[in-house]
N, C-alpha and C. Protein backbone atom coordinates (compact mmCIF):
# COMPACT_ATOMS: atom_id res chain seq x y z
N MET A 1 28.93 -8.72 -130.29
CA MET A 1 28.10 -9.39 -131.06
C MET A 1 27.50 -10.65 -130.17
N THR A 2 26.74 -10.07 -129.25
CA THR A 2 26.03 -11.37 -128.36
C THR A 2 25.02 -11.99 -129.23
N ILE A 3 25.21 -13.33 -129.15
CA ILE A 3 24.44 -14.36 -130.08
C ILE A 3 22.85 -14.10 -129.65
N ARG A 4 22.09 -14.13 -130.55
CA ARG A 4 20.59 -13.97 -130.30
C ARG A 4 19.94 -15.37 -130.96
N LYS A 5 18.93 -15.80 -130.51
CA LYS A 5 18.26 -16.76 -131.10
C LYS A 5 17.95 -16.74 -132.42
N GLY A 6 18.18 -17.53 -133.25
CA GLY A 6 18.03 -17.54 -134.70
C GLY A 6 19.07 -16.60 -135.68
N SER A 7 20.11 -16.05 -134.90
CA SER A 7 20.95 -15.33 -135.52
C SER A 7 22.15 -16.19 -135.92
N SER A 8 23.16 -15.76 -136.85
CA SER A 8 24.48 -16.54 -137.12
C SER A 8 25.33 -16.28 -135.98
N TYR A 9 26.52 -16.93 -136.11
CA TYR A 9 27.45 -16.71 -134.86
C TYR A 9 29.06 -17.07 -135.70
N GLY A 10 29.63 -15.86 -135.41
CA GLY A 10 31.13 -15.96 -136.10
C GLY A 10 31.04 -15.35 -136.84
N ILE A 11 32.59 -14.86 -137.39
CA ILE A 11 32.93 -14.08 -138.18
C ILE A 11 33.85 -14.98 -139.18
N ARG A 12 33.66 -14.97 -140.66
CA ARG A 12 34.35 -15.73 -141.47
C ARG A 12 35.57 -14.72 -141.88
N ARG A 13 36.89 -15.41 -141.76
CA ARG A 13 38.14 -14.78 -141.95
C ARG A 13 39.05 -15.68 -142.58
N SER A 14 40.01 -15.38 -143.29
CA SER A 14 41.00 -16.25 -144.10
C SER A 14 41.80 -16.71 -142.80
N GLY A 15 42.18 -17.88 -143.22
CA GLY A 15 43.04 -18.65 -142.39
C GLY A 15 44.43 -17.90 -141.89
N ASP A 16 44.84 -18.05 -140.74
CA ASP A 16 46.26 -17.59 -140.27
C ASP A 16 46.74 -18.64 -139.40
N SER A 17 47.82 -19.15 -139.76
CA SER A 17 48.69 -20.39 -138.76
C SER A 17 49.37 -19.53 -137.92
N ASP A 18 49.74 -18.40 -137.73
CA ASP A 18 50.53 -17.84 -136.95
C ASP A 18 49.80 -16.80 -135.61
N ILE A 19 49.01 -17.91 -135.06
CA ILE A 19 48.32 -17.20 -133.98
C ILE A 19 48.50 -18.23 -132.96
N PRO A 20 48.37 -17.78 -131.57
CA PRO A 20 48.68 -18.78 -130.28
C PRO A 20 47.72 -19.79 -130.12
N GLU A 21 47.86 -20.85 -129.73
CA GLU A 21 47.28 -22.20 -129.77
C GLU A 21 47.10 -22.55 -128.24
N ALA A 22 45.83 -23.03 -127.98
CA ALA A 22 45.53 -23.56 -126.59
C ALA A 22 44.77 -24.62 -126.68
N SER A 23 45.22 -25.57 -125.92
CA SER A 23 44.75 -27.06 -125.82
C SER A 23 43.82 -27.51 -124.60
N THR A 24 44.01 -26.53 -123.64
CA THR A 24 43.04 -26.64 -122.45
C THR A 24 42.44 -25.17 -122.08
N ASP A 25 41.63 -25.25 -121.37
CA ASP A 25 40.76 -24.08 -120.82
C ASP A 25 41.71 -23.18 -120.22
N ALA A 26 42.25 -23.74 -119.06
CA ALA A 26 43.34 -22.74 -118.42
C ALA A 26 44.42 -22.25 -119.24
N GLU A 27 44.69 -22.82 -120.24
CA GLU A 27 45.84 -22.24 -121.16
C GLU A 27 45.22 -21.11 -122.09
N LEU A 28 43.89 -21.35 -122.25
CA LEU A 28 43.34 -20.39 -123.35
C LEU A 28 43.03 -18.99 -122.26
N ALA A 29 42.83 -19.35 -120.97
CA ALA A 29 42.42 -18.19 -119.80
C ALA A 29 43.95 -17.24 -120.01
N ARG A 30 44.91 -18.06 -119.83
CA ARG A 30 46.20 -17.51 -119.67
C ARG A 30 46.68 -16.64 -121.07
N ILE A 31 46.37 -17.17 -121.95
CA ILE A 31 46.78 -16.53 -123.24
C ILE A 31 45.79 -15.15 -123.44
N ILE A 32 44.76 -15.30 -123.24
CA ILE A 32 43.74 -14.21 -123.15
C ILE A 32 44.21 -13.07 -122.22
N SER A 33 44.41 -13.33 -121.11
CA SER A 33 44.81 -12.50 -120.10
C SER A 33 46.14 -11.87 -120.33
N SER A 34 47.23 -12.66 -120.54
CA SER A 34 48.45 -12.15 -121.32
C SER A 34 48.34 -10.82 -122.43
N ALA A 35 47.53 -11.44 -123.26
CA ALA A 35 47.21 -10.32 -124.38
C ALA A 35 46.59 -9.17 -124.06
N THR A 36 45.51 -9.49 -123.46
CA THR A 36 44.92 -8.05 -122.75
C THR A 36 45.77 -7.34 -121.58
N ASP A 37 46.42 -7.76 -121.05
CA ASP A 37 47.48 -7.04 -120.35
C ASP A 37 48.70 -6.32 -121.32
N HIS A 38 48.78 -6.93 -122.25
CA HIS A 38 49.66 -6.17 -123.11
C HIS A 38 48.92 -5.24 -124.21
N GLY A 39 47.54 -4.84 -123.79
CA GLY A 39 46.90 -4.00 -124.75
C GLY A 39 46.11 -4.55 -126.08
N VAL A 40 46.24 -5.83 -126.14
CA VAL A 40 45.47 -6.45 -127.24
C VAL A 40 43.97 -6.43 -127.21
N HIS A 41 43.40 -5.93 -128.11
CA HIS A 41 41.87 -5.90 -128.01
C HIS A 41 41.39 -7.08 -128.95
N GLN A 42 40.43 -7.87 -128.13
CA GLN A 42 39.57 -8.95 -128.60
C GLN A 42 40.86 -9.95 -129.32
N PRO A 43 41.74 -10.60 -128.51
CA PRO A 43 42.82 -11.36 -128.94
C PRO A 43 42.31 -12.62 -129.76
N LEU A 44 42.98 -13.10 -130.58
CA LEU A 44 42.62 -14.20 -131.60
C LEU A 44 43.29 -15.57 -131.09
N ILE A 45 42.69 -16.53 -130.82
CA ILE A 45 43.46 -17.74 -130.46
C ILE A 45 42.70 -19.06 -131.14
N ARG A 46 43.63 -19.99 -131.45
CA ARG A 46 43.22 -21.15 -132.20
C ARG A 46 42.97 -22.05 -130.75
N VAL A 47 42.06 -22.93 -130.70
CA VAL A 47 41.48 -23.58 -129.62
C VAL A 47 41.30 -25.13 -130.11
N THR A 48 42.25 -26.06 -129.47
CA THR A 48 42.28 -27.36 -130.05
C THR A 48 41.83 -28.29 -129.02
N GLY A 49 41.38 -27.90 -127.80
CA GLY A 49 40.97 -28.92 -126.82
C GLY A 49 40.39 -28.10 -125.55
N GLY A 50 39.80 -29.05 -124.75
CA GLY A 50 39.17 -28.43 -123.61
C GLY A 50 37.84 -28.24 -123.62
N ASP A 51 36.95 -28.01 -122.53
CA ASP A 51 35.45 -27.50 -122.55
C ASP A 51 35.05 -26.60 -123.43
N MET A 52 35.73 -25.58 -123.67
CA MET A 52 35.37 -24.50 -124.60
C MET A 52 35.38 -25.10 -126.08
N PHE A 53 36.36 -25.86 -126.24
CA PHE A 53 36.74 -26.50 -127.60
C PHE A 53 35.26 -27.32 -127.62
N ARG A 54 34.93 -28.25 -126.76
CA ARG A 54 33.90 -28.85 -126.89
C ARG A 54 32.49 -28.24 -126.98
N THR A 55 32.21 -27.39 -126.30
CA THR A 55 30.93 -26.30 -126.29
C THR A 55 31.04 -25.92 -127.68
N LEU A 56 31.81 -25.42 -128.09
CA LEU A 56 31.65 -24.64 -129.40
C LEU A 56 31.62 -25.77 -130.88
N GLY A 57 31.66 -27.09 -130.29
CA GLY A 57 31.51 -28.00 -131.52
C GLY A 57 32.84 -28.40 -132.04
N GLY A 58 33.90 -28.41 -131.30
CA GLY A 58 35.32 -28.62 -131.68
C GLY A 58 35.20 -30.23 -131.44
N HIS A 59 36.00 -30.64 -132.57
CA HIS A 59 36.29 -32.46 -132.52
C HIS A 59 37.61 -32.37 -133.03
N PRO A 60 38.26 -33.49 -132.52
CA PRO A 60 39.88 -33.48 -133.04
C PRO A 60 39.82 -33.93 -134.30
N SER A 61 38.83 -34.18 -135.17
CA SER A 61 38.98 -34.51 -136.79
C SER A 61 38.85 -33.49 -137.40
N LEU A 62 38.78 -32.14 -136.82
CA LEU A 62 38.37 -30.88 -137.70
C LEU A 62 39.63 -30.43 -138.42
N GLY A 63 40.76 -30.96 -138.25
CA GLY A 63 41.96 -30.57 -139.16
C GLY A 63 42.69 -29.58 -138.48
N ASP A 64 43.55 -28.80 -139.46
CA ASP A 64 44.35 -27.88 -139.02
C ASP A 64 43.75 -26.49 -139.13
N GLY A 65 42.72 -26.19 -140.02
CA GLY A 65 41.98 -25.09 -139.79
C GLY A 65 42.75 -23.91 -140.49
N THR A 66 43.53 -24.19 -141.39
CA THR A 66 44.35 -23.16 -141.91
C THR A 66 43.66 -22.10 -143.11
N SER A 67 42.60 -22.56 -143.49
CA SER A 67 42.04 -21.64 -144.54
C SER A 67 40.44 -21.59 -144.21
N ASP A 68 39.89 -19.93 -144.49
CA ASP A 68 38.38 -20.04 -144.23
C ASP A 68 37.82 -20.60 -142.92
N ASP A 69 38.96 -19.94 -141.82
CA ASP A 69 38.63 -19.98 -140.36
C ASP A 69 37.13 -19.39 -140.15
N LEU A 70 36.34 -19.83 -139.31
CA LEU A 70 35.37 -18.91 -138.78
C LEU A 70 35.75 -18.59 -137.22
N ALA A 71 36.01 -17.23 -137.17
CA ALA A 71 36.39 -16.72 -135.78
C ALA A 71 35.15 -16.42 -134.82
N LEU A 72 34.97 -17.13 -133.64
CA LEU A 72 33.90 -17.19 -132.88
C LEU A 72 34.25 -16.08 -131.47
N PRO A 73 33.34 -15.20 -131.31
CA PRO A 73 33.56 -14.32 -130.21
C PRO A 73 32.92 -15.05 -129.03
N ILE A 74 33.91 -15.10 -128.18
CA ILE A 74 33.33 -15.42 -126.83
C ILE A 74 33.43 -14.56 -125.64
N ASP A 75 32.55 -14.56 -124.55
CA ASP A 75 32.61 -14.03 -123.55
C ASP A 75 33.80 -14.47 -122.36
N VAL A 76 34.25 -13.85 -121.74
CA VAL A 76 35.12 -14.38 -120.67
C VAL A 76 34.59 -13.68 -119.32
N ALA A 77 34.94 -14.24 -118.09
CA ALA A 77 34.56 -13.77 -116.89
C ALA A 77 35.75 -13.65 -115.93
N TYR A 78 35.40 -12.65 -115.12
CA TYR A 78 36.70 -12.13 -113.97
C TYR A 78 35.91 -12.66 -112.54
N ALA A 79 36.88 -13.16 -111.98
CA ALA A 79 36.30 -13.70 -110.46
C ALA A 79 37.20 -12.95 -109.49
N THR A 80 36.85 -12.00 -108.48
CA THR A 80 37.57 -11.58 -107.42
C THR A 80 37.33 -12.46 -106.42
N LEU A 81 38.74 -12.84 -105.90
CA LEU A 81 38.75 -13.60 -104.72
C LEU A 81 39.19 -12.98 -103.49
N ASP A 82 39.56 -13.74 -102.34
CA ASP A 82 39.90 -12.98 -101.13
C ASP A 82 41.27 -12.05 -101.41
N ASP A 83 42.02 -12.37 -102.29
CA ASP A 83 43.19 -11.63 -102.33
C ASP A 83 43.00 -10.18 -103.31
N GLY A 84 41.69 -9.78 -103.51
CA GLY A 84 41.31 -8.77 -104.02
C GLY A 84 41.82 -8.61 -105.59
N GLU A 85 42.26 -9.62 -106.33
CA GLU A 85 42.79 -9.63 -107.49
C GLU A 85 41.62 -10.16 -108.69
N GLU A 86 41.75 -9.84 -109.70
CA GLU A 86 40.62 -10.39 -110.65
C GLU A 86 41.22 -11.53 -111.42
N HIS A 87 40.54 -12.77 -111.30
CA HIS A 87 41.36 -13.96 -112.00
C HIS A 87 40.25 -14.08 -113.24
N LEU A 88 40.88 -14.12 -114.56
CA LEU A 88 40.02 -14.54 -115.71
C LEU A 88 39.85 -15.71 -115.96
N PHE A 89 38.70 -16.41 -116.29
CA PHE A 89 38.43 -17.66 -116.43
C PHE A 89 37.59 -17.63 -117.88
N VAL A 90 37.43 -18.50 -118.71
CA VAL A 90 36.91 -18.86 -119.84
C VAL A 90 35.84 -19.77 -119.80
N SER A 91 35.80 -20.92 -119.19
CA SER A 91 34.78 -21.94 -119.21
C SER A 91 33.98 -22.00 -117.86
N HIS A 92 34.45 -22.10 -116.92
CA HIS A 92 33.81 -22.41 -115.61
C HIS A 92 34.58 -22.10 -114.31
N LEU A 93 33.73 -21.84 -113.29
CA LEU A 93 34.15 -21.51 -111.96
C LEU A 93 33.42 -22.55 -111.04
N VAL A 94 34.20 -23.41 -110.01
CA VAL A 94 33.35 -24.24 -109.35
C VAL A 94 33.97 -23.80 -107.83
N ALA A 95 33.01 -23.58 -106.87
CA ALA A 95 33.31 -23.77 -105.36
C ALA A 95 32.99 -24.83 -104.76
N ARG A 96 33.59 -25.89 -104.15
CA ARG A 96 33.23 -27.03 -103.66
C ARG A 96 34.08 -27.66 -102.67
N ARG A 97 33.60 -28.63 -101.96
CA ARG A 97 34.71 -29.47 -101.09
C ARG A 97 34.76 -30.63 -101.92
N ARG A 98 35.61 -31.87 -101.32
CA ARG A 98 35.95 -32.77 -101.99
C ARG A 98 34.58 -33.56 -102.30
N TRP A 99 34.56 -34.21 -103.40
CA TRP A 99 33.31 -35.23 -103.54
C TRP A 99 32.00 -34.17 -103.83
N TRP A 100 31.95 -32.94 -103.93
CA TRP A 100 31.08 -31.99 -103.80
C TRP A 100 30.22 -32.23 -102.61
N SER A 101 30.59 -32.38 -101.77
CA SER A 101 29.82 -32.70 -100.30
C SER A 101 29.60 -31.21 -99.67
N GLY A 102 28.33 -30.95 -98.96
CA GLY A 102 28.39 -29.67 -98.69
C GLY A 102 27.74 -28.80 -99.51
N ARG A 103 27.96 -27.55 -99.38
CA ARG A 103 27.36 -26.47 -100.22
C ARG A 103 28.48 -26.36 -101.68
N PHE A 104 28.08 -25.93 -102.61
CA PHE A 104 28.88 -26.01 -104.08
C PHE A 104 28.13 -24.68 -104.84
N VAL A 105 28.95 -24.08 -105.53
CA VAL A 105 28.56 -23.13 -106.67
C VAL A 105 29.24 -23.43 -108.01
N ALA A 106 28.38 -23.47 -109.15
CA ALA A 106 28.87 -23.86 -110.46
C ALA A 106 28.54 -22.78 -111.29
N VAL A 107 29.58 -21.99 -111.89
CA VAL A 107 29.31 -20.93 -112.66
C VAL A 107 29.76 -21.40 -114.00
N MET A 108 28.94 -21.48 -114.95
CA MET A 108 29.37 -21.91 -116.36
C MET A 108 29.10 -20.83 -117.46
N ASN A 109 30.35 -20.69 -118.11
CA ASN A 109 30.14 -19.98 -119.19
C ASN A 109 30.35 -20.89 -120.56
N ALA A 110 30.79 -22.10 -120.41
CA ALA A 110 30.60 -23.16 -121.44
C ALA A 110 29.71 -24.12 -120.80
N GLU A 111 29.41 -24.97 -121.94
CA GLU A 111 28.50 -26.02 -121.34
C GLU A 111 28.91 -27.34 -120.51
N TRP A 112 30.19 -27.57 -120.79
CA TRP A 112 30.77 -28.81 -120.25
C TRP A 112 31.86 -28.57 -119.30
N LEU A 113 31.85 -29.45 -118.14
CA LEU A 113 32.78 -29.43 -117.07
C LEU A 113 33.38 -30.91 -117.31
N GLY A 114 34.57 -30.98 -117.90
CA GLY A 114 34.85 -32.44 -118.08
C GLY A 114 33.86 -33.18 -118.87
N ASP A 115 33.39 -34.37 -118.11
CA ASP A 115 32.49 -35.18 -118.92
C ASP A 115 30.97 -34.78 -118.44
N LEU A 116 30.76 -33.69 -117.42
CA LEU A 116 29.53 -33.43 -117.09
C LEU A 116 28.93 -31.99 -117.77
N ASP A 117 27.68 -32.31 -118.20
CA ASP A 117 27.04 -31.37 -118.76
C ASP A 117 26.06 -30.25 -117.99
N LEU A 118 27.05 -29.58 -117.44
CA LEU A 118 26.50 -28.79 -116.26
C LEU A 118 25.74 -27.39 -116.73
N GLY A 119 26.02 -26.96 -118.04
CA GLY A 119 25.80 -25.72 -118.41
C GLY A 119 24.63 -25.83 -119.61
N VAL A 120 23.53 -26.63 -119.56
CA VAL A 120 22.90 -27.15 -120.72
C VAL A 120 22.25 -26.08 -121.61
N ARG A 121 21.97 -24.63 -120.76
CA ARG A 121 21.60 -23.58 -121.61
C ARG A 121 22.77 -22.70 -121.82
N SER A 122 23.93 -22.99 -121.40
CA SER A 122 24.96 -21.97 -121.35
C SER A 122 25.52 -22.02 -122.90
N HIS A 123 25.88 -20.65 -123.25
CA HIS A 123 26.76 -20.48 -124.48
C HIS A 123 27.63 -19.42 -124.07
N PRO A 124 28.92 -19.70 -124.77
CA PRO A 124 29.93 -18.65 -124.55
C PRO A 124 29.99 -17.26 -125.02
N GLY A 125 28.80 -17.03 -125.97
CA GLY A 125 28.58 -15.80 -126.73
C GLY A 125 27.20 -15.22 -126.25
N ASP A 126 26.32 -15.48 -125.10
CA ASP A 126 25.14 -15.02 -125.24
C ASP A 126 25.05 -13.99 -124.17
N GLY A 127 26.29 -13.62 -123.41
CA GLY A 127 26.14 -12.59 -122.48
C GLY A 127 25.81 -12.88 -121.18
N LEU A 128 25.72 -14.16 -120.70
CA LEU A 128 25.07 -14.66 -119.46
C LEU A 128 25.70 -15.86 -118.91
N LEU A 129 26.05 -15.78 -117.67
CA LEU A 129 26.52 -17.11 -117.10
C LEU A 129 25.46 -17.96 -116.50
N ASP A 130 25.55 -19.42 -116.37
CA ASP A 130 24.77 -20.14 -115.96
C ASP A 130 25.49 -20.59 -114.34
N ILE A 131 24.40 -20.25 -113.39
CA ILE A 131 24.88 -20.24 -111.97
C ILE A 131 23.89 -21.44 -111.42
N THR A 132 24.56 -22.13 -110.56
CA THR A 132 24.05 -23.13 -109.71
C THR A 132 24.50 -23.25 -108.39
N ASP A 133 23.64 -22.94 -107.31
CA ASP A 133 24.31 -22.75 -106.06
C ASP A 133 23.35 -23.55 -105.22
N GLY A 134 23.88 -24.74 -104.08
CA GLY A 134 23.18 -25.45 -103.27
C GLY A 134 23.97 -26.59 -102.88
N ARG A 135 23.22 -27.51 -102.35
CA ARG A 135 23.89 -28.59 -101.82
C ARG A 135 23.10 -29.82 -102.19
N LEU A 136 23.44 -31.20 -102.06
CA LEU A 136 22.98 -32.39 -102.20
C LEU A 136 23.33 -33.33 -101.55
N ALA A 137 22.56 -34.36 -100.73
CA ALA A 137 22.94 -35.45 -100.04
C ALA A 137 23.56 -36.52 -101.14
N VAL A 138 23.99 -37.40 -100.36
CA VAL A 138 25.18 -38.44 -101.05
C VAL A 138 24.50 -39.15 -102.35
N ARG A 139 23.29 -39.67 -102.05
CA ARG A 139 22.39 -40.33 -102.98
C ARG A 139 21.95 -39.37 -104.19
N GLU A 140 21.64 -38.19 -103.92
CA GLU A 140 21.35 -37.19 -104.77
C GLU A 140 22.59 -36.77 -105.62
N ARG A 141 23.67 -36.64 -105.04
CA ARG A 141 24.77 -36.40 -105.99
C ARG A 141 25.17 -37.48 -106.85
N ILE A 142 24.98 -38.59 -106.51
CA ILE A 142 25.15 -39.81 -107.54
C ILE A 142 24.10 -39.67 -108.63
N THR A 143 22.93 -39.50 -108.23
CA THR A 143 21.90 -39.45 -109.35
C THR A 143 22.29 -38.23 -110.22
N ALA A 144 22.51 -37.07 -109.53
CA ALA A 144 22.70 -35.94 -110.28
C ALA A 144 24.07 -36.02 -111.22
N ARG A 145 25.17 -36.76 -110.99
CA ARG A 145 26.19 -36.87 -111.65
C ARG A 145 25.85 -37.76 -112.91
N ARG A 146 24.76 -38.77 -112.69
CA ARG A 146 24.54 -39.67 -113.73
C ARG A 146 23.76 -38.87 -114.76
N ARG A 147 23.01 -37.97 -114.12
CA ARG A 147 22.08 -37.29 -115.16
C ARG A 147 22.82 -35.96 -115.60
N ALA A 148 24.04 -35.72 -115.08
CA ALA A 148 24.84 -34.77 -115.72
C ALA A 148 25.63 -35.40 -116.97
N ARG A 149 25.71 -36.43 -116.91
CA ARG A 149 26.52 -37.10 -118.12
C ARG A 149 25.91 -36.94 -119.44
N THR A 150 24.62 -36.78 -119.13
CA THR A 150 23.62 -36.84 -120.62
C THR A 150 22.85 -35.60 -120.71
N GLY A 151 23.05 -34.53 -119.67
CA GLY A 151 22.56 -33.22 -119.58
C GLY A 151 21.08 -33.38 -119.37
N SER A 152 20.56 -34.51 -119.06
CA SER A 152 19.14 -34.69 -118.41
C SER A 152 18.76 -34.22 -117.25
N HIS A 153 19.04 -32.96 -117.11
CA HIS A 153 18.85 -32.36 -115.56
C HIS A 153 17.23 -31.88 -115.30
N VAL A 154 16.93 -32.23 -113.85
CA VAL A 154 15.67 -31.87 -113.68
C VAL A 154 15.70 -30.86 -112.53
N PRO A 155 14.78 -30.12 -112.17
CA PRO A 155 14.85 -29.07 -111.13
C PRO A 155 14.78 -29.64 -109.66
N HIS A 156 15.52 -29.06 -108.67
CA HIS A 156 15.57 -29.90 -107.70
C HIS A 156 15.57 -28.51 -106.58
N PRO A 157 14.87 -28.89 -105.35
CA PRO A 157 14.46 -27.79 -104.43
C PRO A 157 15.59 -27.17 -103.87
N ALA A 158 16.58 -28.11 -103.55
CA ALA A 158 17.82 -27.81 -102.93
C ALA A 158 18.73 -26.77 -103.86
N LEU A 159 18.74 -26.70 -105.02
CA LEU A 159 19.48 -26.23 -105.87
C LEU A 159 18.78 -25.00 -106.61
N ARG A 160 19.52 -23.73 -106.63
CA ARG A 160 19.39 -22.33 -107.11
C ARG A 160 19.96 -22.33 -108.25
N THR A 161 19.10 -21.97 -109.35
CA THR A 161 19.88 -21.92 -110.62
C THR A 161 19.46 -20.54 -111.07
N SER A 162 20.43 -19.75 -111.69
CA SER A 162 20.02 -18.53 -112.42
C SER A 162 20.85 -18.34 -113.65
N ARG A 163 20.59 -17.19 -114.51
CA ARG A 163 21.63 -16.71 -115.39
C ARG A 163 21.66 -15.21 -115.19
N ALA A 164 22.98 -14.85 -115.16
CA ALA A 164 23.13 -13.57 -114.97
C ALA A 164 24.78 -13.23 -115.45
N ALA A 165 25.06 -11.75 -115.79
CA ALA A 165 26.24 -11.40 -116.00
C ALA A 165 27.12 -10.70 -114.72
N PHE A 166 26.56 -11.07 -113.68
CA PHE A 166 27.14 -10.63 -112.43
C PHE A 166 26.90 -11.64 -111.17
N PHE A 167 27.71 -11.92 -110.34
CA PHE A 167 27.20 -12.54 -109.25
C PHE A 167 28.28 -12.54 -108.02
N HIS A 168 27.58 -12.75 -106.76
CA HIS A 168 28.38 -12.30 -105.75
C HIS A 168 27.89 -13.24 -104.50
N THR A 169 28.83 -13.79 -103.95
CA THR A 169 28.29 -14.74 -102.63
C THR A 169 29.33 -14.76 -101.70
N THR A 170 29.28 -15.38 -100.65
CA THR A 170 30.27 -15.42 -99.43
C THR A 170 29.84 -16.95 -99.05
N PHE A 171 31.26 -17.37 -98.61
CA PHE A 171 31.36 -18.95 -98.02
C PHE A 171 31.60 -18.82 -96.55
N ASP A 172 30.97 -19.67 -95.74
CA ASP A 172 31.41 -19.81 -94.30
C ASP A 172 31.13 -21.31 -93.84
N PRO A 173 31.92 -22.10 -94.05
CA PRO A 173 33.48 -21.88 -94.02
C PRO A 173 33.88 -21.72 -95.58
N PRO A 174 35.02 -21.14 -95.49
CA PRO A 174 35.55 -20.98 -97.13
C PRO A 174 35.64 -22.47 -97.90
N LEU A 175 35.25 -21.96 -99.15
CA LEU A 175 35.39 -23.26 -100.07
C LEU A 175 36.64 -23.01 -101.09
N ALA A 176 36.98 -24.14 -101.57
CA ALA A 176 38.02 -24.03 -102.58
C ALA A 176 37.52 -23.80 -103.87
N ILE A 177 38.14 -22.99 -104.64
CA ILE A 177 37.97 -22.45 -105.95
C ILE A 177 38.62 -23.15 -106.97
N HIS A 178 37.96 -23.52 -108.08
CA HIS A 178 38.58 -24.17 -109.16
C HIS A 178 38.24 -23.33 -110.40
N LEU A 179 39.24 -22.42 -111.03
CA LEU A 179 39.07 -22.00 -112.40
C LEU A 179 39.48 -22.61 -113.44
N ASP A 180 38.46 -22.76 -114.40
CA ASP A 180 38.92 -23.83 -115.52
C ASP A 180 39.87 -24.87 -115.19
N GLY A 181 39.27 -25.69 -114.21
CA GLY A 181 39.81 -27.01 -113.84
C GLY A 181 41.04 -26.66 -112.84
N VAL A 182 41.38 -25.48 -112.56
CA VAL A 182 42.80 -25.27 -111.86
C VAL A 182 42.42 -24.76 -110.39
N ARG A 183 42.96 -25.32 -109.30
CA ARG A 183 42.57 -25.10 -107.90
C ARG A 183 43.31 -23.79 -107.56
N HIS A 184 42.65 -22.91 -106.78
CA HIS A 184 43.11 -21.47 -106.48
C HIS A 184 43.06 -21.26 -104.94
N GLY A 185 42.91 -22.33 -104.32
CA GLY A 185 42.84 -22.17 -102.84
C GLY A 185 41.45 -21.96 -102.43
N LYS A 186 41.30 -21.59 -101.07
CA LYS A 186 39.91 -21.50 -100.29
C LYS A 186 39.64 -19.97 -100.31
N VAL A 187 38.43 -19.51 -100.36
CA VAL A 187 37.96 -18.29 -100.24
C VAL A 187 36.75 -18.13 -99.47
N SER A 188 36.29 -16.87 -98.88
CA SER A 188 35.16 -16.71 -98.20
C SER A 188 34.42 -15.78 -98.79
N SER A 189 34.91 -14.99 -100.07
CA SER A 189 33.93 -14.12 -100.65
C SER A 189 34.29 -14.22 -102.32
N LEU A 190 33.31 -14.20 -102.95
CA LEU A 190 33.43 -14.18 -104.39
C LEU A 190 32.60 -13.35 -105.27
N SER A 191 33.26 -12.75 -106.34
CA SER A 191 32.51 -11.77 -106.99
C SER A 191 32.77 -12.21 -108.37
N ILE A 192 31.68 -12.12 -109.16
CA ILE A 192 32.07 -12.55 -110.82
C ILE A 192 31.47 -11.27 -111.61
N ARG A 193 32.08 -10.93 -112.58
CA ARG A 193 31.54 -10.18 -113.50
C ARG A 193 32.04 -10.79 -115.14
N LEU A 194 31.05 -10.57 -116.08
CA LEU A 194 31.22 -11.12 -117.26
C LEU A 194 31.41 -10.33 -118.37
N GLU A 195 32.52 -10.38 -119.21
CA GLU A 195 32.96 -9.30 -120.45
C GLU A 195 32.48 -10.06 -121.57
N THR A 196 31.50 -9.48 -122.30
CA THR A 196 30.87 -10.09 -123.58
C THR A 196 32.04 -9.71 -124.91
N ASP A 197 32.06 -10.96 -125.72
CA ASP A 197 32.74 -10.78 -127.01
C ASP A 197 34.47 -10.27 -126.60
N PHE A 198 34.78 -10.90 -125.76
CA PHE A 198 36.29 -10.33 -125.23
C PHE A 198 37.29 -11.03 -126.06
N ALA A 199 36.88 -11.94 -126.69
CA ALA A 199 38.31 -12.71 -127.36
C ALA A 199 37.55 -13.38 -128.57
N LEU A 200 38.48 -13.70 -129.49
CA LEU A 200 38.04 -14.65 -130.76
C LEU A 200 38.65 -16.01 -130.67
N VAL A 201 38.02 -17.08 -131.14
CA VAL A 201 38.76 -18.08 -131.12
C VAL A 201 38.48 -18.82 -132.35
N VAL A 202 39.28 -19.57 -132.95
CA VAL A 202 39.28 -20.50 -134.06
C VAL A 202 39.38 -21.88 -133.59
N LEU A 203 38.53 -22.86 -134.39
CA LEU A 203 38.76 -24.14 -134.02
C LEU A 203 39.54 -25.01 -135.15
């Protein structure tokens, strides 16, 4: 049920308090990965925090959501790293050095990366990832970070942006990979594929 412009989003369902709960993006990814490893199709998870929660309109004042929950289908992505294994992530993958110096790649399934609005067009149910690949000088990084806090992005000749369900690149020298905010070491090769409507979340 990939979301389309002007269409409704979500599946109305009766509340169910007996479902796993995730308060961070990394925790949400672990729960989904574990469920699918055990053969669960489109696992249902309650999300109470993280960048996916914020992207979907979540707010701490929403309450416990124990009745008439709206289940929202979300896409997830798999990243193949140098170890040859696929690693599931739900909100974002970032390849970078400290302070974002030199080349960096940001792959966004959610809109937010902490307090940075890096995926202005991104929606976790639209079947596409927002990808930014490039490098910025120190002054440009400061300006970009300030703009990213408000989502007021402007095109930059040093940044390549695209929207796709598949992505592959290489790094020389290798870059550190961060999946949903968790560092996974340095890699020289990266491949990403998106799986649509892979899980259901309630807020």
